[in-house]
Amino acid sequence: MAVTVKFFASVREAVGASSETLDLPASVKTVGDLRAHLAARGDTWRDALGSPALRMACNQIMCGTDSAVADGAEVAFFPPVTGG
């Protein structure tokens, strides 16, 4: 299964990429699984994706960790938005 992963704001800065296309193992079925898969890359990734306030979207719809990821999906990770 191939997906496009996008990183925004401080997450992008931390991981050093704005997006990538990944071929995922069969064990990655949800956005939470994808997050854990990426976090397993090391401390930088774990720190960037580990915040409980991290926001996620699948196919441009806000979602939680239990949202299913299908072949061809676009998943985005970004910090919470603040305003003033």
Protein backbone atom coordinates (compact mmCIF):
# COMPACT_ATOMS: atom_id res chain seq x y z
CA MET A 1 0.00 0.00 0.00
CA ALA A 2 1.41 3.38 -0.98
CA VAL A 3 0.47 6.64 0.75
CA THR A 4 1.62 10.23 0.63
CA VAL A 5 2.54 11.73 3.99
CA LYS A 6 2.70 15.49 4.46
CA PHE A 7 4.33 17.34 7.33
CA PHE A 8 3.53 20.93 8.26
CA ALA A 9 5.02 23.74 10.39
CA SER A 10 7.19 22.55 13.30
CA VAL A 11 6.71 18.88 12.35
CA ARG A 12 8.13 19.62 8.89
CA GLU A 13 11.06 21.50 10.42
CA ALA A 14 11.82 18.68 12.86
CA VAL A 15 11.77 15.84 10.33
CA GLY A 16 13.40 17.86 7.56
CA ALA A 17 10.81 17.08 4.89
CA SER A 18 7.50 18.48 3.72
CA SER A 19 6.24 15.22 2.22
CA GLU A 20 7.14 11.73 1.15
CA THR A 21 5.53 8.76 -0.52
CA LEU A 22 5.79 5.51 1.39
CA ASP A 23 5.11 1.87 0.66
CA LEU A 24 3.66 0.67 3.95
CA PRO A 25 3.78 -2.79 5.46
CA ALA A 26 0.48 -4.67 5.76
CA SER A 27 0.50 -4.05 9.52
CA VAL A 28 -0.16 -0.31 8.99
CA LYS A 29 -3.93 -0.01 8.76
CA THR A 30 -4.74 3.24 10.60
CA VAL A 31 -3.37 6.76 10.96
CA GLY A 32 -2.16 5.75 14.43
CA ASP A 33 -0.30 2.78 12.96
CA LEU A 34 1.31 5.12 10.42
CA ARG A 35 2.29 7.55 13.16
CA ALA A 36 3.90 4.71 15.15
CA HIS A 37 5.63 3.40 12.01
CA LEU A 38 7.18 6.82 11.38
CA ALA A 39 8.06 7.37 15.06
CA ALA A 40 10.02 4.11 15.00
CA ARG A 41 12.55 5.82 12.70
CA GLY A 42 14.26 7.34 15.75
CA ASP A 43 14.25 10.03 18.40
CA THR A 44 13.73 12.98 16.04
CA TRP A 45 10.67 11.35 14.50
CA ARG A 46 9.33 10.19 17.86
CA ASP A 47 9.69 13.71 19.28
CA ALA A 48 8.08 15.35 16.23
CA LEU A 49 5.10 12.99 16.15
CA GLY A 50 4.76 12.20 19.84
CA SER A 51 2.81 15.20 21.08
CA PRO A 52 -0.71 14.34 22.27
CA ALA A 53 -1.80 17.65 20.70
CA LEU A 54 -0.57 16.60 17.22
CA ARG A 55 -3.29 17.07 14.60
CA MET A 56 -3.87 14.61 11.78
CA ALA A 57 -5.84 14.55 8.56
CA CYS A 58 -6.53 11.79 6.07
CA ASN A 59 -7.49 12.87 2.56
CA GLN A 60 -7.85 16.45 3.84
CA ILE A 61 -10.38 15.52 6.56
CA MET A 62 -9.39 15.91 10.21
CA CYS A 63 -9.17 12.50 11.83
CA GLY A 64 -8.05 10.53 14.84
CA THR A 65 -5.56 7.74 15.22
CA ASP A 66 -8.20 5.08 14.54
CA SER A 67 -9.02 6.34 11.02
CA ALA A 68 -8.33 3.78 8.32
CA VAL A 69 -5.59 4.40 5.77
CA ALA A 70 -6.23 3.09 2.26
CA ASP A 71 -3.94 2.71 -0.72
CA GLY A 72 -3.34 6.11 -2.33
CA ALA A 73 -4.33 8.08 0.77
CA GLU A 74 -2.81 11.40 1.75
CA VAL A 75 -2.08 11.71 5.47
CA ALA A 76 -0.98 14.97 7.05
CA PHE A 77 0.58 15.67 10.44
CA PHE A 78 0.71 19.15 11.94
CA PRO A 79 0.83 20.93 15.28
CA PRO A 80 -2.30 22.54 16.72
CA VAL A 81 -3.09 25.93 15.25
CA THR A 82 -3.10 28.91 17.55
CA GLY A 83 -4.38 32.34 16.84
CA GLY A 84 -4.24 35.72 18.36
